[in-house]
């Protein structure tokens, strides 16, 4: 069995291979051109390298270099959008042939050693995937984000993108796309990925963090974007989903699930009762339950196959986030779920159902299936539809409302801090009648005559 090599080892081996190839090319060039190398004089080696590079770049130039009236002239290559067109561009000149050739070398070197923003991005995410720094689902998600935001700037050559260009790009995307805090954070992630790599490769000399700081939206801008987006949705007749279910709505859903205890409905009930993510729910095995708690350390991943483009659905043995590995408790009132599940065909997975594509076979229930059954549950229970993720938000809101210890909440939710839970998962679950009751109980409002 071969020993697994670390990313650092692989980097070193790649660098050694590259350096060996460069040395062999240099020796071959010197041999063919009668150049003597003296190891005691490093400047001779550097001169040989420069001559070899110069010859390589000048071989790309197809227009005549000539002298006229004490100056040397030629046509520079035409470049449009960072690409050579194959046509002659403007005339350039210099006092000596050597100076003119240096201009040409700089032109071609900038073109060859100057990838587009898209090429640099693709190299970065491919390398991160190869070394295991990101998952294939993250690789796909980054690609989707890049295609959404970088259709124009992605075609530009990296050396031509300035710090001011990045500032303008971030500000324009924030305004045009009406990004919320999460959307803008995702955009910043891709920008950092590209331009940190550009600096590491010596394509740029500025720090992308300076551009991100300058482009930071002012306070209140995210709220205005959300308000503008909701206004645009309202004009199209789109009503935004509520973030949580009220106690009355949850009672209707629980009554429906318990009256129809099929594995899909039992899974949704367990999800609400423990606050786990739907991807974690559908990757549960029987050994992940010890009679009191669930052991959450894996999740489902869905991504398109890089070669065929077909949808791939698999389970990975690592949590979604760094804080995702945890042991949420199962309330005593719903532990009957596990006995009920054993009445159905079981296997290696806790939640299994009949496979539509294979006769008399059962397979793992996927996230997509649970989401479809969530919609069905809302319709059957007479509840306004919300996604299955809203069950997790409802669970978190219920814990916050009950004054549960903050450490317990963050641990069971898989969050780094309670602020994350409060900001993104804590919502008012009271119904309209309950809110009215709160207001009616205030003495100042009780003194107002009920009728005129």
Protein backbone atom coordinates (compact mmCIF):
# COMPACT_ATOMS: atom_id res chain seq x y z
CA UNK A 1 0.00 0.00 0.00
CA UNK A 2 1.52 3.33 -1.07
CA UNK A 3 2.05 6.03 1.54
CA UNK A 4 -0.25 9.04 1.21
CA UNK A 5 1.72 12.21 0.43
CA UNK A 6 0.87 15.55 1.97
CA UNK A 7 0.01 18.58 -0.21
CA UNK A 8 3.34 20.17 0.85
CA UNK A 9 5.24 17.09 -0.37
CA UNK A 10 3.35 17.15 -3.65
CA UNK A 11 4.18 20.86 -4.08
CA UNK A 12 7.88 20.19 -3.49
CA UNK A 13 7.93 17.31 -5.96
CA UNK A 14 6.16 19.43 -8.58
CA UNK A 15 8.69 22.26 -8.08
CA UNK A 16 11.63 19.85 -8.38
CA UNK A 17 10.20 18.39 -11.60
CA UNK A 18 9.68 21.88 -13.03
CA UNK A 19 13.19 23.00 -12.10
CA UNK A 20 14.71 19.82 -13.61
CA UNK A 21 12.85 20.42 -16.88
CA UNK A 22 14.03 24.04 -16.96
CA UNK A 23 17.67 22.99 -16.41
CA UNK A 24 17.46 20.38 -19.18
CA UNK A 25 15.99 22.97 -21.57
CA UNK A 26 18.76 25.42 -20.65
CA UNK A 27 21.53 22.88 -21.23
CA UNK A 28 20.02 21.89 -24.56
CA UNK A 29 19.78 25.53 -25.65
CA UNK A 30 23.40 26.26 -24.64
CA UNK A 31 24.64 23.16 -26.43
CA UNK A 32 22.90 24.08 -29.69
CA UNK A 33 24.12 27.69 -29.51
CA UNK A 34 27.71 27.03 -28.39
CA UNK A 35 27.28 28.80 -25.03
CA UNK A 36 29.70 27.80 -22.30
CA UNK A 37 28.28 27.77 -18.75
CA UNK A 38 30.57 28.46 -15.81
CA UNK A 39 29.11 27.30 -12.48
CA UNK A 40 31.50 29.64 -10.63
CA UNK A 41 29.99 32.61 -12.49
CA UNK A 42 26.21 32.68 -11.89
CA UNK A 43 25.89 35.70 -14.20
CA UNK A 44 26.70 33.51 -17.22
CA UNK A 45 23.85 31.17 -16.32
CA UNK A 46 21.45 34.10 -15.88
CA UNK A 47 22.54 35.54 -19.25
CA UNK A 48 21.91 32.18 -20.90
CA UNK A 49 18.43 32.01 -19.38
CA UNK A 50 17.61 35.51 -20.58
CA UNK A 51 18.88 34.73 -24.08
CA UNK A 52 16.79 31.56 -24.21
CA UNK A 53 13.66 33.44 -23.12
CA UNK A 54 14.36 36.25 -25.58
CA UNK A 55 14.67 33.82 -28.48
CA UNK A 56 11.42 32.10 -27.48
CA UNK A 57 9.41 35.31 -27.40
CA UNK A 58 10.95 36.84 -30.55
CA UNK A 59 10.06 33.63 -32.44
CA UNK A 60 6.42 34.61 -31.92
CA UNK A 61 6.89 37.90 -33.80
CA UNK A 62 5.94 37.67 -37.49
CA UNK A 63 6.54 41.25 -38.64
CA UNK A 64 9.71 42.67 -40.11
CA UNK A 65 12.17 44.54 -37.91
CA UNK A 66 13.97 47.20 -39.92
CA UNK A 67 16.15 50.29 -39.60
CA UNK A 68 15.29 53.69 -41.07
CA UNK A 69 16.94 57.05 -40.47
CA UNK A 70 18.83 55.93 -37.38
CA UNK A 71 15.87 54.20 -35.63
CA UNK A 72 14.58 50.66 -35.57
CA UNK A 73 10.91 49.93 -36.37
CA UNK A 74 8.38 47.10 -36.40
CA UNK A 75 4.65 46.50 -35.92
CA UNK A 76 3.45 45.48 -32.49
CA UNK A 77 0.95 42.60 -32.45
CA UNK A 78 -2.72 43.63 -32.28
CA UNK A 79 -4.30 42.66 -28.95
CA UNK A 80 -8.05 42.80 -28.30
CA UNK A 81 -9.48 41.74 -24.94
CA UNK A 82 -6.10 40.41 -23.89
CA UNK A 83 -5.94 38.08 -26.92
CA UNK A 84 -3.65 38.15 -29.99
CA UNK A 85 -5.66 38.67 -33.18
CA UNK A 86 -2.89 37.65 -35.59
CA UNK A 87 -2.93 41.09 -37.20
CA UNK A 88 -0.40 43.89 -37.00
CA UNK A 89 -1.06 46.66 -34.51
CA UNK A 90 0.51 50.08 -34.08
CA UNK A 91 4.09 50.86 -35.14
CA UNK A 92 6.73 50.89 -32.40
CA UNK A 93 10.33 52.08 -32.56
CA UNK A 94 13.55 52.42 -30.56
CA UNK A 95 17.05 53.84 -30.99
CA UNK A 96 18.67 50.41 -31.11
CA UNK A 97 17.59 46.99 -32.27
CA UNK A 98 18.27 45.60 -28.79
CA UNK A 99 15.90 48.12 -27.18
CA UNK A 100 13.20 47.31 -29.75
CA UNK A 101 13.58 43.57 -29.16
CA UNK A 102 13.26 44.19 -25.41
CA UNK A 103 9.94 46.00 -26.04
CA UNK A 104 8.70 43.02 -28.06
CA UNK A 105 9.83 40.53 -25.40
CA UNK A 106 7.92 42.52 -22.74
CA UNK A 107 4.79 42.60 -24.92
CA UNK A 108 4.77 38.86 -25.60
CA UNK A 109 5.80 37.98 -22.06
CA UNK A 110 2.89 39.94 -20.64
CA UNK A 111 0.51 38.13 -23.00
CA UNK A 112 1.86 34.64 -22.35
CA UNK A 113 2.46 35.01 -18.62
CA UNK A 114 -0.82 36.82 -18.03
CA UNK A 115 -3.80 34.49 -17.63
CA UNK A 116 -7.39 35.67 -17.64
CA UNK A 117 -9.28 36.07 -14.38
CA UNK A 118 -11.32 32.99 -15.31
CA UNK A 119 -8.22 30.87 -15.99
CA UNK A 120 -6.70 31.87 -12.66
CA UNK A 121 -9.97 31.10 -10.84
CA UNK A 122 -10.26 27.68 -12.47
CA UNK A 123 -6.66 26.80 -11.61
CA UNK A 124 -7.22 27.86 -7.99
CA UNK A 125 -10.37 25.81 -7.36
CA UNK A 126 -9.01 22.78 -9.24
CA UNK A 127 -5.85 22.82 -7.13
CA UNK A 128 -7.82 23.27 -3.88
CA UNK A 129 -10.01 20.32 -4.85
CA UNK A 130 -7.00 18.15 -5.73
CA UNK A 131 -5.31 18.83 -2.39
CA UNK A 132 -8.54 18.29 -0.44
CA UNK A 133 -8.85 21.88 0.76
CA UNK A 134 -12.42 22.05 -0.58
CA UNK A 135 -15.12 19.45 -1.33
CA UNK A 136 -16.40 18.81 -4.84
CA UNK A 137 -19.73 20.43 -3.88
CA UNK A 138 -17.84 23.61 -2.89
CA UNK A 139 -15.95 23.40 -6.20
CA UNK A 140 -19.29 23.32 -8.03
CA UNK A 141 -20.79 26.10 -5.89
CA UNK A 142 -17.82 28.37 -6.54
CA UNK A 143 -18.22 27.72 -10.26
CA UNK A 144 -21.89 28.75 -10.11
CA UNK A 145 -20.98 31.94 -8.24
CA UNK A 146 -18.25 32.78 -10.75
CA UNK A 147 -20.57 32.35 -13.74
CA UNK A 148 -23.15 34.55 -12.03
CA UNK A 149 -20.88 37.46 -11.17
CA UNK A 150 -17.74 37.35 -13.34
CA UNK A 151 -19.08 37.06 -16.90
CA UNK A 152 -17.38 40.32 -17.95
CA UNK A 153 -14.36 40.77 -15.69
CA UNK A 154 -13.59 37.06 -15.99
CA UNK A 155 -12.40 37.58 -19.58
CA UNK A 156 -9.83 40.22 -18.62
CA UNK A 157 -6.12 39.52 -18.24
CA UNK A 158 -5.12 39.49 -14.60
CA UNK A 159 -2.21 41.95 -14.88
CA UNK A 160 -4.60 44.57 -16.26
CA UNK A 161 -7.02 44.39 -13.31
CA UNK A 162 -6.24 47.16 -10.83
CA UNK A 163 -7.24 47.61 -7.21
CA UNK A 164 -9.70 50.31 -8.33
CA UNK A 165 -11.24 47.82 -10.79
CA UNK A 166 -11.93 45.39 -7.94
CA UNK A 167 -13.50 48.13 -5.82
CA UNK A 168 -15.76 49.18 -8.69
CA UNK A 169 -16.64 45.56 -9.48
CA UNK A 170 -17.69 44.79 -5.88
CA UNK A 171 -19.74 47.98 -5.57
CA UNK A 172 -21.47 47.42 -8.90
CA UNK A 173 -22.38 43.79 -8.16
CA UNK A 174 -23.68 44.76 -4.71
CA UNK A 175 -26.01 47.35 -6.22
CA UNK A 176 -27.06 45.53 -9.41
CA UNK A 177 -27.73 42.18 -7.72
CA UNK A 178 -29.16 43.71 -4.51
CA UNK A 179 -27.02 41.31 -2.50
CA UNK A 180 -27.76 40.52 1.12
CA UNK A 181 -24.97 39.95 3.66
CA UNK A 182 -24.59 36.27 2.81
CA UNK A 183 -24.58 36.86 -0.95
CA UNK A 184 -21.99 39.62 -0.66
CA UNK A 185 -19.88 37.42 1.61
CA UNK A 186 -19.89 34.68 -1.04
CA UNK A 187 -18.79 37.19 -3.67
CA UNK A 188 -15.92 38.37 -1.47
CA UNK A 189 -14.80 34.75 -1.02
CA UNK A 190 -14.35 34.30 -4.79
CA UNK A 191 -12.58 37.66 -5.15
CA UNK A 192 -10.15 36.73 -2.37
CA UNK A 193 -9.51 33.32 -3.93
CA UNK A 194 -8.62 34.82 -7.32
CA UNK A 195 -6.56 37.82 -6.34
CA UNK A 196 -4.64 36.21 -3.47
CA UNK A 197 -3.51 33.61 -5.99
CA UNK A 198 -2.66 36.38 -8.45
CA UNK A 199 -0.40 38.00 -5.86
CA UNK A 200 1.20 34.67 -4.92
CA UNK A 201 2.01 34.15 -8.61
CA UNK A 202 3.47 37.69 -8.87
CA UNK A 203 0.86 38.81 -11.42
CA UNK A 204 -0.19 41.73 -9.20
CA UNK A 205 1.58 43.64 -6.43
CA UNK A 206 -1.38 45.02 -4.47
CA UNK A 207 -3.28 43.43 -1.57
CA UNK A 208 -6.85 42.46 -2.44
CA UNK A 209 -7.88 43.06 1.20
CA UNK A 210 -7.35 46.79 0.66
CA UNK A 211 -9.83 46.72 -2.22
CA UNK A 212 -12.37 44.72 -0.19
CA UNK A 213 -12.09 47.18 2.70
CA UNK A 214 -12.60 50.16 0.39
CA UNK A 215 -15.65 48.53 -1.24
CA UNK A 216 -17.33 47.59 2.06
CA UNK A 217 -21.02 48.64 1.92
CA UNK A 218 -22.11 51.21 4.53
CA UNK A 219 -24.29 50.32 7.50
CA UNK A 220 -27.90 49.79 6.52
CA UNK A 221 -27.07 49.03 2.87
CA UNK A 222 -27.87 45.33 3.23
CA UNK A 223 -31.28 46.12 4.75
CA UNK A 224 -32.03 48.48 1.86
CA UNK A 225 -31.08 45.78 -0.64
CA UNK A 226 -33.40 43.28 1.03
CA UNK A 227 -36.21 45.85 1.06
CA UNK A 228 -35.65 46.67 -2.64
CA UNK A 229 -35.63 43.00 -3.57
CA UNK A 230 -38.88 42.37 -1.67
CA UNK A 231 -40.46 45.36 -3.41
CA UNK A 232 -39.43 43.95 -6.80
CA UNK A 233 -40.84 40.54 -5.83
CA UNK A 234 -44.10 42.12 -4.68
CA UNK A 235 -44.47 43.79 -8.08
CA UNK A 236 -44.22 40.32 -9.64
CA UNK A 237 -46.73 38.88 -7.17
CA UNK A 238 -44.07 36.88 -5.29
CA UNK A 239 -44.65 36.62 -1.54
CA UNK A 240 -41.48 35.90 0.49
CA UNK A 241 -41.47 32.74 2.58
CA UNK A 242 -41.91 33.10 6.32
CA UNK A 243 -38.78 32.04 8.18
CA UNK A 244 -40.38 29.82 10.85
CA UNK A 245 -43.59 27.94 11.64
CA UNK A 246 -45.85 29.15 14.44
CA UNK A 247 -46.79 26.83 17.30
CA UNK A 248 -50.25 26.39 15.75
CA UNK A 249 -48.74 25.47 12.37
CA UNK A 250 -46.33 23.02 13.95
CA UNK A 251 -49.20 21.29 15.74
CA UNK A 252 -50.94 20.76 12.40
CA UNK A 253 -47.77 19.36 10.83
CA UNK A 254 -47.03 17.08 13.79
CA UNK A 255 -50.62 15.78 13.77
CA UNK A 256 -50.28 15.00 10.05
CA UNK A 257 -46.90 13.28 10.44
CA UNK A 258 -48.04 11.13 13.38
CA UNK A 259 -51.26 10.17 11.56
CA UNK A 260 -49.20 9.16 8.50
CA UNK A 261 -46.02 7.62 10.00
CA UNK A 262 -44.18 6.65 6.81
CA UNK A 263 -40.36 7.01 6.86
CA UNK A 264 -40.42 10.31 4.96
CA UNK A 265 -42.79 11.93 7.48
CA UNK A 266 -40.98 10.39 10.47
CA UNK A 267 -37.74 11.90 9.16
CA UNK A 268 -39.26 15.38 8.98
CA UNK A 269 -40.58 15.00 12.53
CA UNK A 270 -37.12 13.93 13.74
CA UNK A 271 -35.56 16.87 11.93
CA UNK A 272 -37.85 19.33 13.71
CA UNK A 273 -37.31 17.62 17.07
CA UNK A 274 -33.49 17.72 16.90
CA UNK A 275 -32.70 20.72 14.65
CA UNK A 276 -30.46 18.68 12.33
CA UNK A 277 -30.01 19.64 8.68
CA UNK A 278 -31.85 17.69 6.01
CA UNK A 279 -28.53 16.52 4.52
CA UNK A 280 -27.59 15.15 7.96
CA UNK A 281 -30.99 13.50 8.37
CA UNK A 282 -30.76 11.46 5.18
CA UNK A 283 -27.22 10.28 5.95
CA UNK A 284 -28.09 8.74 9.36
CA UNK A 285 -27.21 5.11 10.03
CA UNK A 286 -28.67 3.01 12.83
CA UNK A 287 -25.42 3.08 14.78
CA UNK A 288 -25.68 6.90 14.88
CA UNK A 289 -28.42 6.67 17.56
CA UNK A 290 -27.51 5.50 21.08
CA UNK A 291 -31.00 5.66 22.59
CA UNK A 292 -30.69 9.29 23.68
CA UNK A 293 -28.64 11.29 21.18
CA UNK A 294 -27.78 11.33 17.50
CA UNK A 295 -24.16 11.27 16.35
CA UNK A 296 -23.85 13.86 13.57
CA UNK A 297 -20.59 13.66 11.64
CA UNK A 298 -21.57 13.19 7.99
CA UNK A 299 -23.87 14.74 5.40
CA UNK A 300 -25.21 14.30 1.90
CA UNK A 301 -23.48 15.97 -1.04
CA UNK A 302 -25.09 16.63 -4.40
CA UNK A 303 -23.11 17.83 -7.41
CA UNK A 304 -22.95 17.40 -11.21
CA UNK A 305 -20.44 14.82 -12.45
CA UNK A 306 -17.50 16.78 -13.98
CA UNK A 307 -17.41 14.46 -17.03
CA UNK A 308 -21.04 13.56 -17.73
CA UNK A 309 -22.85 16.47 -16.06
CA UNK A 310 -25.26 14.00 -14.45
CA UNK A 311 -26.45 14.58 -10.88
CA UNK A 312 -24.39 12.71 -8.30
CA UNK A 313 -25.81 12.14 -4.82
CA UNK A 314 -23.54 10.68 -2.17
CA UNK A 315 -22.72 10.76 1.55
CA UNK A 316 -19.43 12.17 2.82
CA UNK A 317 -18.03 11.32 6.22
CA UNK A 318 -17.39 14.83 7.43
CA UNK A 319 -19.78 17.50 8.78
CA UNK A 320 -20.95 20.44 6.69
CA UNK A 321 -19.04 22.94 8.85
CA UNK A 322 -16.15 22.81 11.32
CA UNK A 323 -18.62 23.01 14.21
CA UNK A 324 -21.03 20.54 12.59
CA UNK A 325 -19.85 17.42 14.45
CA UNK A 326 -22.17 17.14 17.46
CA UNK A 327 -24.58 15.01 19.52
CA UNK A 328 -28.12 16.56 19.54
CA UNK A 329 -30.49 15.01 22.06
CA UNK A 330 -33.68 13.30 20.92
CA UNK A 331 -36.72 14.35 23.02
CA UNK A 332 -38.28 11.45 24.96
CA UNK A 333 -41.65 12.19 23.34
CA UNK A 334 -40.43 11.23 19.85
CA UNK A 335 -38.19 8.24 20.55
CA UNK A 336 -41.00 5.99 19.32
CA UNK A 337 -39.95 7.11 15.83
CA UNK A 338 -37.08 4.61 15.81
CA UNK A 339 -39.33 1.67 16.75
CA UNK A 340 -41.76 2.69 14.04
CA UNK A 341 -38.98 2.90 11.44
CA UNK A 342 -38.04 -0.72 12.13
CA UNK A 343 -41.49 -1.79 10.93
CA UNK A 344 -40.35 -0.80 7.44
CA UNK A 345 -37.61 -2.51 5.40
CA UNK A 346 -34.28 -1.40 6.81
CA UNK A 347 -30.66 -1.62 5.75
CA UNK A 348 -27.46 0.29 6.36
CA UNK A 349 -29.34 3.61 6.36
CA UNK A 350 -31.91 4.65 8.93
CA UNK A 351 -34.28 6.16 6.36
CA UNK A 352 -34.95 3.93 3.37
CA UNK A 353 -37.78 3.60 0.87
CA UNK A 354 -38.66 1.53 -2.16
CA UNK A 355 -36.43 2.29 -5.14
CA UNK A 356 -38.50 3.44 -8.12
CA UNK A 357 -35.85 2.27 -10.57
CA UNK A 358 -35.11 -1.21 -9.18
CA UNK A 359 -37.75 -3.90 -8.63
CA UNK A 360 -38.26 -4.93 -5.00
CA UNK A 361 -35.20 -2.94 -3.87
CA UNK A 362 -34.89 -0.28 -1.21
CA UNK A 363 -32.50 2.67 -1.17
CA UNK A 364 -31.54 5.61 1.02
CA UNK A 365 -34.08 8.46 1.11
CA UNK A 366 -32.33 11.53 -0.30
CA UNK A 367 -32.50 15.21 0.60
CA UNK A 368 -34.48 15.90 -2.56
CA UNK A 369 -37.12 13.36 -1.52
CA UNK A 370 -37.46 14.81 1.99
CA UNK A 371 -37.88 18.29 0.50
CA UNK A 372 -40.61 17.01 -1.79
CA UNK A 373 -42.42 15.40 1.13
CA UNK A 374 -42.12 18.64 3.10
CA UNK A 375 -44.15 20.37 0.42
CA UNK A 376 -46.70 17.57 0.47
CA UNK A 377 -46.92 17.77 4.28
CA UNK A 378 -47.70 21.48 4.20
CA UNK A 379 -50.40 20.98 1.57
CA UNK A 380 -52.03 18.09 3.44
CA UNK A 381 -51.85 19.81 6.85
CA UNK A 382 -53.24 23.10 5.51
CA UNK A 383 -50.10 25.07 6.32
CA UNK A 384 -48.43 27.71 4.17
CA UNK A 385 -45.46 26.02 2.45
CA UNK A 386 -41.98 26.61 3.75
CA UNK A 387 -38.81 24.65 2.97
CA UNK A 388 -37.55 21.87 5.24
CA UNK A 389 -34.71 24.16 6.40
CA UNK A 390 -37.40 26.28 8.13
CA UNK A 391 -37.92 23.34 10.51
CA UNK A 392 -34.35 23.84 11.70
CA UNK A 393 -34.96 27.57 12.15
CA UNK A 394 -38.19 26.83 14.03
CA UNK A 395 -36.27 24.48 16.35
CA UNK A 396 -33.64 27.13 17.06
CA UNK A 397 -36.27 29.80 17.68
CA UNK A 398 -38.09 27.47 20.11
CA UNK A 399 -34.87 26.94 22.11
CA UNK A 400 -34.18 30.69 22.24
CA UNK A 401 -37.77 31.43 23.30
CA UNK A 402 -37.52 28.83 26.06
CA UNK A 403 -34.36 30.45 27.46
CA UNK A 404 -32.24 27.33 26.93
CA UNK A 405 -28.56 27.64 27.89
CA UNK A 406 -26.64 29.36 25.06
CA UNK A 407 -23.79 26.82 25.09
CA UNK A 408 -26.28 24.02 24.62
CA UNK A 409 -27.95 25.85 21.72
CA UNK A 410 -24.70 26.47 19.82
CA UNK A 411 -23.54 22.89 20.41
CA UNK A 412 -26.77 21.27 19.28
CA UNK A 413 -27.13 23.59 16.26
CA UNK A 414 -23.51 23.19 15.20
CA UNK A 415 -22.82 26.93 15.31
CA UNK A 416 -19.58 28.64 16.33
CA UNK A 417 -21.33 31.39 18.30
CA UNK A 418 -24.77 32.19 19.71
CA UNK A 419 -24.76 35.35 17.59
CA UNK A 420 -25.05 33.22 14.44
CA UNK A 421 -28.10 31.50 15.92
CA UNK A 422 -29.70 34.77 16.99
CA UNK A 423 -29.01 36.63 13.73
CA UNK A 424 -30.03 33.95 11.25
CA UNK A 425 -32.22 31.44 13.12
CA UNK A 426 -34.02 33.36 15.84
CA UNK A 427 -37.48 34.58 14.73
CA UNK A 428 -40.76 35.53 16.39
CA UNK A 429 -42.99 32.42 16.21
CA UNK A 430 -46.12 33.97 17.71
CA UNK A 431 -49.29 33.93 15.64
CA UNK A 432 -51.23 37.06 14.80
CA UNK A 433 -53.68 36.45 17.65
CA UNK A 434 -50.85 35.96 20.16
CA UNK A 435 -49.21 39.23 19.05
CA UNK A 436 -52.54 41.05 19.49
CA UNK A 437 -52.89 39.57 22.98
CA UNK A 438 -49.46 40.96 23.92
CA UNK A 439 -50.46 44.45 22.74
CA UNK A 440 -53.92 44.24 24.34
CA UNK A 441 -52.33 43.50 27.71
CA UNK A 442 -50.54 46.89 27.75
CA UNK A 443 -52.49 49.34 30.02
CA UNK A 444 -52.02 52.31 27.66
CA UNK A 445 -53.88 50.51 24.90
CA UNK A 446 -56.59 49.21 27.25
CA UNK A 447 -57.58 52.80 28.08
CA UNK A 448 -58.50 53.53 24.42
CA UNK A 449 -62.29 53.25 23.82
CA UNK A 450 -63.12 50.13 21.81
CA UNK A 451 -65.75 52.00 19.73
CA UNK A 452 -66.72 55.59 19.01
